[in-house]
Amino acid sequence: MHIATCKLCNKESELQLSHIVPKFIGKWLKQTSAAGYMRNIVNPNIRIQDLPKEYLLCKSCELKFSVWEKRFVEEIFHPYQNDVKRKFEYKSWLKKFVVSLNWRIGISRFNRNFDANHDKYPILDNTLEEWRKFLNEETKEPGHAEHHILFIGMTNLDDFGKVATNGFNHFINMRILRSVDLATYIDSKNRLFIYTCIAGIAFVSQISPYRFEGWTNQTRIKKIGSTQTIQKNADFIFAEFISERMAIMNYLIEEKTSLKQGEIINNGVLNNLEKTLNSKSLGIMNKLGKPT
């Protein structure tokens, strides 16, 4: 039993061991992989069974988040991953889901290295408190920050080819389509945002400034609206950010995976060919390899 103050309602309670990134994505990655398990890119030689968790929320607040997650899974995530739909209608639950996701990133251990002396820190701190009040139904809106959803594998990032000079290819793209990535980030233009990407669907909360140039209403999440997988984004700096994330991910996997683990992975794939042939891992490689 872990008794402490719930990060959302600020009440002392028995805290749940909450997933920073929702549990469903880890379950889906394992179920649809060729090997049947996950690895952490920081140490790819060790298999992991679950995504990171922390004591953050009481049971009541945890259940509140699960309602929005369920709607996202049923109405966007699975239809997109199964290639059933390309356009998605949504209501207020989508913004609540995205704010809850990036709020957890912001208050979790993944954000504790953010320099408290940085001039953006007070802005981040105030924004996270605005999000907390919104999620706890103390306010009707989550402040001024814009929230966007991008289908990374489909979005037309203008000039992406020009910035992806560090070895971008279909296999690196597959990494981001089969992984979880997250960051609280300040880019080269001193713009602050929180980014989470789950299996190729990225959520970007723009904090300072509240609106970045080059982004459109195609990706901006409104109270009620629709989004589609074919999107445009003319933010050159963000394209560079995505390129760098892909390259770092690929480098860590290629450089840190030992020869022994490489053999184990290959043998696991070969020993279960039926699962491999039906996996999303192989399906994505085939899809990316087709000429456009």
C-alpha atoms as a PDB file:
ATOM      1  CA  MET A   1       0.000   0.000   0.000  1.00  0.00           C
ATOM      2  CA  HIS A   2       1.360   3.391  -1.035  1.00  0.00           C
ATOM      3  CA  ILE A   3      -0.310   6.315   0.778  1.00  0.00           C
ATOM      4  CA  ALA A   4       0.491   9.754  -0.622  1.00  0.00           C
ATOM      5  CA  THR A   5      -1.087  12.780  -2.307  1.00  0.00           C
ATOM      6  CA  CYS A   6      -2.769  12.071  -5.633  1.00  0.00           C
ATOM      7  CA  LYS A   7      -1.177  14.229  -8.324  1.00  0.00           C
ATOM      8  CA  LEU A   8      -4.563  14.985  -9.888  1.00  0.00           C
ATOM      9  CA  CYS A   9      -7.093  15.595  -7.098  1.00  0.00           C
ATOM     10  CA  ASN A  10      -4.457  16.566  -4.489  1.00  0.00           C
ATOM     11  CA  LYS A  11      -6.109  14.318  -1.892  1.00  0.00           C
ATOM     12  CA  GLU A  12      -4.190  11.914   0.318  1.00  0.00           C
ATOM     13  CA  SER A  13      -5.103   8.419  -0.735  1.00  0.00           C
ATOM     14  CA  GLU A  14      -3.795   4.981  -1.623  1.00  0.00           C
ATOM     15  CA  LEU A  15      -2.041   5.569  -4.925  1.00  0.00           C
ATOM     16  CA  GLN A  16      -2.168   3.181  -7.854  1.00  0.00           C
ATOM     17  CA  LEU A  17       0.939   2.181  -9.768  1.00  0.00           C
ATOM     18  CA  SER A  18      -0.070   4.192 -12.827  1.00  0.00           C
ATOM     19  CA  HIS A  19       1.220   3.693 -16.341  1.00  0.00           C
ATOM     20  CA  ILE A  20       2.908   6.842 -17.650  1.00  0.00           C
ATOM     21  CA  VAL A  21       1.935   5.761 -21.145  1.00  0.00           C
ATOM     22  CA  PRO A  22      -1.369   3.835 -21.167  1.00  0.00           C
ATOM     23  CA  LYS A  23      -1.176   0.092 -20.661  1.00  0.00           C
ATOM     24  CA  PHE A  24      -3.007  -0.711 -23.890  1.00  0.00           C
ATOM     25  CA  ILE A  25      -0.078   0.316 -26.099  1.00  0.00           C
ATOM     26  CA  GLY A  26       2.361  -2.065 -24.384  1.00  0.00           C
ATOM     27  CA  LYS A  27      -0.152  -4.892 -24.642  1.00  0.00           C
ATOM     28  CA  TRP A  28      -0.734  -4.139 -28.333  1.00  0.00           C
ATOM     29  CA  LEU A  29       2.986  -3.934 -29.151  1.00  0.00           C
ATOM     30  CA  LYS A  30       3.587  -7.361 -27.608  1.00  0.00           C
ATOM     31  CA  GLN A  31       0.548  -8.991 -29.188  1.00  0.00           C
ATOM     32  CA  THR A  32       1.374  -7.722 -32.675  1.00  0.00           C
ATOM     33  CA  SER A  33       5.151  -8.166 -32.656  1.00  0.00           C
ATOM     34  CA  ALA A  34       7.058 -10.926 -34.392  1.00  0.00           C
ATOM     35  CA  ALA A  35       8.865 -11.837 -31.163  1.00  0.00           C
ATOM     36  CA  GLY A  36       6.049 -11.323 -28.648  1.00  0.00           C
ATOM     37  CA  TYR A  37       7.844  -8.981 -26.264  1.00  0.00           C
ATOM     38  CA  MET A  38       9.262  -5.457 -25.958  1.00  0.00           C
ATOM     39  CA  ARG A  39      12.721  -3.974 -25.438  1.00  0.00           C
ATOM     40  CA  ASN A  40      13.932  -0.668 -24.033  1.00  0.00           C
ATOM     41  CA  ILE A  41      16.166   1.129 -26.552  1.00  0.00           C
ATOM     42  CA  VAL A  42      18.423   2.388 -23.734  1.00  0.00           C
ATOM     43  CA  ASN A  43      19.212  -1.253 -22.923  1.00  0.00           C
ATOM     44  CA  PRO A  44      17.890  -3.377 -25.800  1.00  0.00           C
ATOM     45  CA  ASN A  45      19.576  -6.521 -24.479  1.00  0.00           C
ATOM     46  CA  ILE A  46      16.913  -6.922 -21.790  1.00  0.00           C
ATOM     47  CA  ARG A  47      13.332  -7.866 -22.556  1.00  0.00           C
ATOM     48  CA  ILE A  48      10.616  -5.874 -20.788  1.00  0.00           C
ATOM     49  CA  GLN A  49       7.087  -7.015 -19.996  1.00  0.00           C
ATOM     50  CA  ASP A  50       5.465  -3.659 -19.328  1.00  0.00           C
ATOM     51  CA  LEU A  51       5.804   0.084 -19.899  1.00  0.00           C
ATOM     52  CA  PRO A  52       7.047   2.435 -17.118  1.00  0.00           C
ATOM     53  CA  LYS A  53       4.819   3.023 -14.095  1.00  0.00           C
ATOM     54  CA  GLU A  54       4.816   5.409 -11.138  1.00  0.00           C
ATOM     55  CA  TYR A  55       2.670   6.043  -8.080  1.00  0.00           C
ATOM     56  CA  LEU A  56       0.727   9.044  -9.374  1.00  0.00           C
ATOM     57  CA  LEU A  57      -3.048   8.685  -9.073  1.00  0.00           C
ATOM     58  CA  CYS A  58      -5.685   7.456  -6.680  1.00  0.00           C
ATOM     59  CA  LYS A  59      -8.074   4.778  -7.913  1.00  0.00           C
ATOM     60  CA  SER A  60     -10.863   7.248  -8.698  1.00  0.00           C
ATOM     61  CA  CYS A  61      -8.627   9.442 -10.869  1.00  0.00           C
ATOM     62  CA  GLU A  62      -7.098   6.398 -12.548  1.00  0.00           C
ATOM     63  CA  LEU A  63     -10.587   5.256 -13.586  1.00  0.00           C
ATOM     64  CA  LYS A  64     -11.364   8.721 -14.959  1.00  0.00           C
ATOM     65  CA  PHE A  65      -8.384   8.501 -17.313  1.00  0.00           C
ATOM     66  CA  SER A  66      -9.319   4.981 -18.399  1.00  0.00           C
ATOM     67  CA  VAL A  67     -12.640   6.214 -19.850  1.00  0.00           C
ATOM     68  CA  TRP A  68     -10.861   8.573 -22.279  1.00  0.00           C
ATOM     69  CA  GLU A  69      -8.248   5.944 -23.129  1.00  0.00           C
ATOM     70  CA  LYS A  70     -10.976   3.444 -24.001  1.00  0.00           C
ATOM     71  CA  ARG A  71     -12.611   5.899 -26.414  1.00  0.00           C
ATOM     72  CA  PHE A  72      -9.283   6.616 -28.112  1.00  0.00           C
ATOM     73  CA  VAL A  73      -8.455   2.920 -28.465  1.00  0.00           C
ATOM     74  CA  GLU A  74     -11.849   2.004 -29.890  1.00  0.00           C
ATOM     75  CA  GLU A  75     -12.436   5.013 -32.132  1.00  0.00           C
ATOM     76  CA  ILE A  76      -8.958   5.896 -33.401  1.00  0.00           C
ATOM     77  CA  PHE A  77      -6.104   3.592 -32.399  1.00  0.00           C
ATOM     78  CA  HIS A  78      -7.413   0.181 -33.463  1.00  0.00           C
ATOM     79  CA  PRO A  79      -9.226   1.398 -36.615  1.00  0.00           C
ATOM     80  CA  TYR A  80      -6.036   3.170 -37.709  1.00  0.00           C
ATOM     81  CA  GLN A  81      -3.672   0.295 -36.923  1.00  0.00           C
ATOM     82  CA  ASN A  82      -5.987  -2.187 -38.641  1.00  0.00           C
ATOM     83  CA  ASP A  83      -6.232   0.120 -41.671  1.00  0.00           C
ATOM     84  CA  VAL A  84     -10.022   0.191 -41.355  1.00  0.00           C
ATOM     85  CA  LYS A  85     -10.472   3.965 -41.299  1.00  0.00           C
ATOM     86  CA  ARG A  86      -8.568   7.013 -42.543  1.00  0.00           C
ATOM     87  CA  LYS A  87     -10.868   9.687 -41.093  1.00  0.00           C
ATOM     88  CA  PHE A  88     -11.964   9.936 -37.469  1.00  0.00           C
ATOM     89  CA  GLU A  89     -14.697  11.917 -35.743  1.00  0.00           C
ATOM     90  CA  TYR A  90     -14.164  12.881 -32.118  1.00  0.00           C
ATOM     91  CA  LYS A  91     -15.674  14.837 -29.247  1.00  0.00           C
ATOM     92  CA  SER A  92     -14.262  16.302 -26.033  1.00  0.00           C
ATOM     93  CA  TRP A  93     -12.788  12.942 -24.981  1.00  0.00           C
ATOM     94  CA  LEU A  94      -9.879  13.255 -27.432  1.00  0.00           C
ATOM     95  CA  LYS A  95      -8.536  16.495 -25.985  1.00  0.00           C
ATOM     96  CA  LYS A  96      -8.962  15.065 -22.475  1.00  0.00           C
ATOM     97  CA  PHE A  97      -7.053  11.951 -23.491  1.00  0.00           C
ATOM     98  CA  VAL A  98      -4.175  13.914 -25.052  1.00  0.00           C
ATOM     99  CA  VAL A  99      -3.932  16.380 -22.161  1.00  0.00           C
ATOM    100  CA  SER A 100      -3.990  13.503 -19.646  1.00  0.00           C
ATOM    101  CA  LEU A 101      -1.250  11.710 -21.590  1.00  0.00           C
ATOM    102  CA  ASN A 102       1.124  14.660 -21.909  1.00  0.00           C
ATOM    103  CA  TRP A 103       0.343  15.842 -18.364  1.00  0.00           C
ATOM    104  CA  ARG A 104       1.576  12.489 -17.065  1.00  0.00           C
ATOM    105  CA  ILE A 105       4.757  12.875 -19.109  1.00  0.00           C
ATOM    106  CA  GLY A 106       5.208  16.358 -17.655  1.00  0.00           C
ATOM    107  CA  ILE A 107       4.858  15.346 -13.997  1.00  0.00           C
ATOM    108  CA  SER A 108       6.630  11.989 -14.232  1.00  0.00           C
ATOM    109  CA  ARG A 109      10.266  11.080 -13.683  1.00  0.00           C
ATOM    110  CA  PHE A 110      10.854  11.558 -17.407  1.00  0.00           C
ATOM    111  CA  ASN A 111      10.587  15.300 -16.833  1.00  0.00           C
ATOM    112  CA  ARG A 112      12.726  15.584 -13.707  1.00  0.00           C
ATOM    113  CA  ASN A 113      15.867  16.433 -15.640  1.00  0.00           C
ATOM    114  CA  PHE A 114      14.241  19.604 -16.968  1.00  0.00           C
ATOM    115  CA  ASP A 115      16.363  22.500 -15.702  1.00  0.00           C
ATOM    116  CA  ALA A 116      14.413  24.377 -13.019  1.00  0.00           C
ATOM    117  CA  ASN A 117      16.549  27.444 -13.753  1.00  0.00           C
ATOM    118  CA  HIS A 118      15.579  27.547 -17.428  1.00  0.00           C
ATOM    119  CA  ASP A 119      13.473  30.576 -18.373  1.00  0.00           C
ATOM    120  CA  LYS A 120      10.799  28.214 -19.739  1.00  0.00           C
ATOM    121  CA  TYR A 121      10.410  26.294 -16.473  1.00  0.00           C
ATOM    122  CA  PRO A 122       7.790  28.612 -14.878  1.00  0.00           C
ATOM    123  CA  ILE A 123       5.753  28.429 -18.093  1.00  0.00           C
ATOM    124  CA  LEU A 124       5.908  24.620 -18.061  1.00  0.00           C
ATOM    125  CA  ASP A 125       5.019  24.488 -14.368  1.00  0.00           C
ATOM    126  CA  ASN A 126       2.029  26.806 -14.809  1.00  0.00           C
ATOM    127  CA  THR A 127       0.825  24.880 -17.858  1.00  0.00           C
ATOM    128  CA  LEU A 128       0.942  21.542 -16.048  1.00  0.00           C
ATOM    129  CA  GLU A 129      -1.145  23.047 -13.248  1.00  0.00           C
ATOM    130  CA  GLU A 130      -3.670  24.364 -15.797  1.00  0.00           C
ATOM    131  CA  TRP A 131      -3.902  20.870 -17.255  1.00  0.00           C
ATOM    132  CA  ARG A 132      -4.351  19.333 -13.814  1.00  0.00           C
ATOM    133  CA  LYS A 133      -7.281  21.644 -13.052  1.00  0.00           C
ATOM    134  CA  PHE A 134      -8.845  20.858 -16.429  1.00  0.00           C
ATOM    135  CA  LEU A 135      -8.503  17.099 -15.969  1.00  0.00           C
ATOM    136  CA  ASN A 136      -9.884  17.381 -12.428  1.00  0.00           C
ATOM    137  CA  GLU A 137     -12.886  19.338 -13.782  1.00  0.00           C
ATOM    138  CA  GLU A 138     -11.971  22.509 -11.894  1.00  0.00           C
ATOM    139  CA  THR A 139     -11.879  24.452 -15.176  1.00  0.00           C
ATOM    140  CA  LYS A 140     -13.590  23.978 -18.543  1.00  0.00           C
ATOM    141  CA  GLU A 141     -10.509  24.535 -20.718  1.00  0.00           C
ATOM    142  CA  PRO A 142      -6.845  23.420 -20.388  1.00  0.00           C
ATOM    143  CA  GLY A 143      -5.349  26.878 -20.889  1.00  0.00           C
ATOM    144  CA  HIS A 144      -4.000  28.337 -24.131  1.00  0.00           C
ATOM    145  CA  ALA A 145      -1.665  25.538 -25.281  1.00  0.00           C
ATOM    146  CA  GLU A 146      -2.579  23.937 -28.601  1.00  0.00           C
ATOM    147  CA  HIS A 147      -2.727  20.150 -28.857  1.00  0.00           C
ATOM    148  CA  HIS A 148      -2.146  18.296 -32.112  1.00  0.00           C
ATOM    149  CA  ILE A 149      -2.439  14.712 -33.352  1.00  0.00           C
ATOM    150  CA  LEU A 150      -0.191  13.538 -36.190  1.00  0.00           C
ATOM    151  CA  PHE A 151      -0.113  10.206 -37.950  1.00  0.00           C
ATOM    152  CA  ILE A 152       3.658  10.194 -38.406  1.00  0.00           C
ATOM    153  CA  GLY A 153       3.749   7.460 -41.023  1.00  0.00           C
ATOM    154  CA  MET A 154       1.273   9.357 -43.202  1.00  0.00           C
ATOM    155  CA  THR A 155       1.806  13.068 -42.506  1.00  0.00           C
ATOM    156  CA  ASN A 156       3.392  15.132 -45.267  1.00  0.00           C
ATOM    157  CA  LEU A 157       6.204  16.919 -43.437  1.00  0.00           C
ATOM    158  CA  ASP A 158       7.274  19.495 -46.015  1.00  0.00           C
ATOM    159  CA  ASP A 159      11.005  19.388 -46.774  1.00  0.00           C
ATOM    160  CA  PHE A 160      11.372  16.284 -44.565  1.00  0.00           C
ATOM    161  CA  GLY A 161      13.718  14.703 -47.098  1.00  0.00           C
ATOM    162  CA  LYS A 162      16.044  17.682 -46.841  1.00  0.00           C
ATOM    163  CA  VAL A 163      16.486  17.406 -43.074  1.00  0.00           C
ATOM    164  CA  ALA A 164      16.553  13.603 -42.868  1.00  0.00           C
ATOM    165  CA  THR A 165      20.207  13.399 -43.837  1.00  0.00           C
ATOM    166  CA  ASN A 166      21.229  11.079 -41.007  1.00  0.00           C
ATOM    167  CA  GLY A 167      20.479   7.747 -42.619  1.00  0.00           C
ATOM    168  CA  PHE A 168      16.679   7.865 -42.749  1.00  0.00           C
ATOM    169  CA  ASN A 169      15.159   4.839 -44.438  1.00  0.00           C
ATOM    170  CA  HIS A 170      12.106   2.604 -44.221  1.00  0.00           C
ATOM    171  CA  PHE A 171      13.598   0.515 -41.430  1.00  0.00           C
ATOM    172  CA  ILE A 172      14.209   3.591 -39.260  1.00  0.00           C
ATOM    173  CA  ASN A 173      10.656   4.716 -39.975  1.00  0.00           C
ATOM    174  CA  MET A 174       9.477   1.286 -38.842  1.00  0.00           C
ATOM    175  CA  ARG A 175      11.134   1.896 -35.461  1.00  0.00           C
ATOM    176  CA  ILE A 176       8.853   4.825 -34.722  1.00  0.00           C
ATOM    177  CA  LEU A 177       5.796   2.944 -35.996  1.00  0.00           C
ATOM    178  CA  ARG A 178       6.558   0.083 -33.601  1.00  0.00           C
ATOM    179  CA  SER A 179       7.616   1.984 -30.491  1.00  0.00           C
ATOM    180  CA  VAL A 180       6.813   4.484 -27.760  1.00  0.00           C
ATOM    181  CA  ASP A 181       8.690   7.782 -27.674  1.00  0.00           C
ATOM    182  CA  LEU A 182       8.222  10.765 -25.377  1.00  0.00           C
ATOM    183  CA  ALA A 183       9.929  14.036 -24.561  1.00  0.00           C
ATOM    184  CA  THR A 184       9.597  17.422 -22.925  1.00  0.00           C
ATOM    185  CA  TYR A 185      11.579  19.387 -25.453  1.00  0.00           C
ATOM    186  CA  ILE A 186      12.950  22.834 -26.261  1.00  0.00           C
ATOM    187  CA  ASP A 187      13.896  23.068 -29.924  1.00  0.00           C
ATOM    188  CA  SER A 188      16.400  25.238 -31.783  1.00  0.00           C
ATOM    189  CA  LYS A 189      13.852  28.088 -31.929  1.00  0.00           C
ATOM    190  CA  ASN A 190      13.452  27.988 -28.122  1.00  0.00           C
ATOM    191  CA  ARG A 191       9.945  26.541 -28.479  1.00  0.00           C
ATOM    192  CA  LEU A 192       8.705  24.363 -25.640  1.00  0.00           C
ATOM    193  CA  PHE A 193       6.459  21.350 -26.215  1.00  0.00           C
ATOM    194  CA  ILE A 194       5.622  17.930 -24.832  1.00  0.00           C
ATOM    195  CA  TYR A 195       5.667  15.100 -27.353  1.00  0.00           C
ATOM    196  CA  THR A 196       4.401  11.549 -27.070  1.00  0.00           C
ATOM    197  CA  CYS A 197       4.371   9.069 -29.935  1.00  0.00           C
ATOM    198  CA  ILE A 198       2.679   5.682 -29.643  1.00  0.00           C
ATOM    199  CA  ALA A 199       3.070   3.340 -32.593  1.00  0.00           C
ATOM    200  CA  GLY A 200       3.282   6.143 -35.124  1.00  0.00           C
ATOM    201  CA  ILE A 201       0.535   8.369 -33.679  1.00  0.00           C
ATOM    202  CA  ALA A 202       2.109  11.495 -32.202  1.00  0.00           C
ATOM    203  CA  PHE A 203       0.575  13.969 -29.767  1.00  0.00           C
ATOM    204  CA  VAL A 204       2.210  17.385 -29.555  1.00  0.00           C
ATOM    205  CA  SER A 205       1.214  19.910 -26.896  1.00  0.00           C
ATOM    206  CA  GLN A 206       2.619  23.316 -27.849  1.00  0.00           C
ATOM    207  CA  ILE A 207       3.353  25.259 -24.657  1.00  0.00           C
ATOM    208  CA  SER A 208       5.554  28.239 -25.511  1.00  0.00           C
ATOM    209  CA  PRO A 209       4.528  29.797 -27.776  1.00  0.00           C
ATOM    210  CA  TYR A 210       0.988  28.453 -27.707  1.00  0.00           C
ATOM    211  CA  ARG A 211       0.887  28.085 -31.475  1.00  0.00           C
ATOM    212  CA  PHE A 212       3.767  27.046 -33.762  1.00  0.00           C
ATOM    213  CA  GLU A 213       4.092  28.249 -37.343  1.00  0.00           C
ATOM    214  CA  GLY A 214       3.535  25.670 -40.069  1.00  0.00           C
ATOM    215  CA  TRP A 215       0.779  23.748 -38.265  1.00  0.00           C
ATOM    216  CA  THR A 216      -2.786  23.561 -39.559  1.00  0.00           C
ATOM    217  CA  ASN A 217      -6.299  22.778 -38.385  1.00  0.00           C
ATOM    218  CA  GLN A 218      -5.849  19.332 -39.950  1.00  0.00           C
ATOM    219  CA  THR A 219      -3.899  18.270 -36.869  1.00  0.00           C
ATOM    220  CA  ARG A 220      -5.176  20.670 -34.190  1.00  0.00           C
ATOM    221  CA  ILE A 221      -7.463  19.018 -31.652  1.00  0.00           C
ATOM    222  CA  LYS A 222     -10.661  20.951 -31.043  1.00  0.00           C
ATOM    223  CA  LYS A 223     -13.483  20.299 -28.608  1.00  0.00           C
ATOM    224  CA  ILE A 224     -15.454  18.535 -31.338  1.00  0.00           C
ATOM    225  CA  GLY A 225     -14.135  17.772 -34.789  1.00  0.00           C
ATOM    226  CA  SER A 226     -12.497  15.294 -37.107  1.00  0.00           C
ATOM    227  CA  THR A 227      -9.014  14.335 -38.208  1.00  0.00           C
ATOM    228  CA  GLN A 228      -7.589  12.168 -40.953  1.00  0.00           C
ATOM    229  CA  THR A 229      -4.412  10.244 -41.600  1.00  0.00           C
ATOM    230  CA  ILE A 230      -3.339  12.301 -44.617  1.00  0.00           C
ATOM    231  CA  GLN A 231      -2.125  15.566 -43.102  1.00  0.00           C
ATOM    232  CA  LYS A 232       0.187  18.441 -43.923  1.00  0.00           C
ATOM    233  CA  ASN A 233       2.745  20.077 -41.679  1.00  0.00           C
ATOM    234  CA  ALA A 234       5.155  22.758 -42.891  1.00  0.00           C
ATOM    235  CA  ASP A 235       7.145  23.103 -39.650  1.00  0.00           C
ATOM    236  CA  PHE A 236      10.720  22.507 -40.814  1.00  0.00           C
ATOM    237  CA  ILE A 237      12.114  22.513 -37.258  1.00  0.00           C
ATOM    238  CA  PHE A 238       9.634  19.874 -36.106  1.00  0.00           C
ATOM    239  CA  ALA A 239      10.493  17.720 -39.123  1.00  0.00           C
ATOM    240  CA  GLU A 240      14.112  17.953 -38.029  1.00  0.00           C
ATOM    241  CA  PHE A 241      13.108  16.915 -34.496  1.00  0.00           C
ATOM    242  CA  ILE A 242      11.331  13.805 -35.807  1.00  0.00           C
ATOM    243  CA  SER A 243      14.306  12.951 -38.007  1.00  0.00           C
ATOM    244  CA  GLU A 244      16.650  13.211 -35.031  1.00  0.00           C
ATOM    245  CA  ARG A 245      14.392  11.048 -32.834  1.00  0.00           C
ATOM    246  CA  MET A 246      14.318   8.348 -35.514  1.00  0.00           C
ATOM    247  CA  ALA A 247      18.081   8.470 -35.957  1.00  0.00           C
ATOM    248  CA  ILE A 248      18.762   8.297 -32.195  1.00  0.00           C
ATOM    249  CA  MET A 249      16.350   5.398 -31.822  1.00  0.00           C
ATOM    250  CA  ASN A 250      18.002   3.508 -34.657  1.00  0.00           C
ATOM    251  CA  TYR A 251      21.527   4.233 -33.375  1.00  0.00           C
ATOM    252  CA  LEU A 252      20.768   2.981 -29.858  1.00  0.00           C
ATOM    253  CA  ILE A 253      19.215  -0.227 -31.146  1.00  0.00           C
ATOM    254  CA  GLU A 254      21.958  -0.931 -33.687  1.00  0.00           C
ATOM    255  CA  GLU A 255      24.868  -0.042 -31.396  1.00  0.00           C
ATOM    256  CA  LYS A 256      23.653  -1.470 -28.085  1.00  0.00           C
ATOM    257  CA  THR A 257      22.119  -4.762 -29.179  1.00  0.00           C
ATOM    258  CA  SER A 258      24.731  -7.449 -28.549  1.00  0.00           C
ATOM    259  CA  LEU A 259      25.502 -10.198 -31.057  1.00  0.00           C
ATOM    260  CA  LYS A 260      24.085 -12.748 -28.630  1.00  0.00           C
ATOM    261  CA  GLN A 261      20.793 -10.869 -28.294  1.00  0.00           C
ATOM    262  CA  GLY A 262      20.665 -10.439 -32.064  1.00  0.00           C
ATOM    263  CA  GLU A 263      20.866 -14.217 -32.436  1.00  0.00           C
ATOM    264  CA  ILE A 264      18.161 -14.701 -29.785  1.00  0.00           C
ATOM    265  CA  ILE A 265      15.860 -12.274 -31.596  1.00  0.00           C
ATOM    266  CA  ASN A 266      16.461 -13.918 -34.980  1.00  0.00           C
ATOM    267  CA  ASN A 267      15.952 -17.412 -33.582  1.00  0.00           C
ATOM    268  CA  GLY A 268      12.734 -16.321 -31.875  1.00  0.00           C
ATOM    269  CA  VAL A 269      11.425 -15.005 -35.170  1.00  0.00           C
ATOM    270  CA  LEU A 270      12.446 -18.102 -37.139  1.00  0.00           C
ATOM    271  CA  ASN A 271      11.086 -20.506 -34.534  1.00  0.00           C
ATOM    272  CA  ASN A 272       7.621 -19.000 -34.783  1.00  0.00           C
ATOM    273  CA  LEU A 273       7.202 -18.244 -38.466  1.00  0.00           C
ATOM    274  CA  GLU A 274       3.405 -18.262 -38.387  1.00  0.00           C
ATOM    275  CA  LYS A 275       3.344 -15.517 -35.745  1.00  0.00           C
ATOM    276  CA  THR A 276       6.052 -13.594 -37.611  1.00  0.00           C
ATOM    277  CA  LEU A 277       4.193 -13.713 -40.925  1.00  0.00           C
ATOM    278  CA  ASN A 278       1.025 -12.425 -39.250  1.00  0.00           C
ATOM    279  CA  SER A 279       2.776  -9.768 -37.167  1.00  0.00           C
ATOM    280  CA  LYS A 280       2.529  -6.000 -37.514  1.00  0.00           C
ATOM    281  CA  SER A 281       6.336  -5.816 -37.637  1.00  0.00           C
ATOM    282  CA  LEU A 282       6.469  -7.660 -40.952  1.00  0.00           C
ATOM    283  CA  GLY A 283       3.300  -5.985 -42.179  1.00  0.00           C
ATOM    284  CA  ILE A 284       4.815  -2.525 -41.718  1.00  0.00           C
ATOM    285  CA  MET A 285       8.028  -3.513 -43.523  1.00  0.00           C
ATOM    286  CA  ASN A 286       5.993  -4.758 -46.485  1.00  0.00           C
ATOM    287  CA  LYS A 287       3.859  -1.618 -46.525  1.00  0.00           C
ATOM    288  CA  LEU A 288       6.833   0.751 -46.288  1.00  0.00           C
ATOM    289  CA  GLY A 289       8.712  -1.152 -48.949  1.00  0.00           C
ATOM    290  CA  LYS A 290       6.018  -0.702 -51.584  1.00  0.00           C
ATOM    291  CA  PRO A 291       6.675   2.011 -54.178  1.00  0.00           C
ATOM    292  CA  THR A 292       4.442   5.089 -53.940  1.00  0.00           C
END
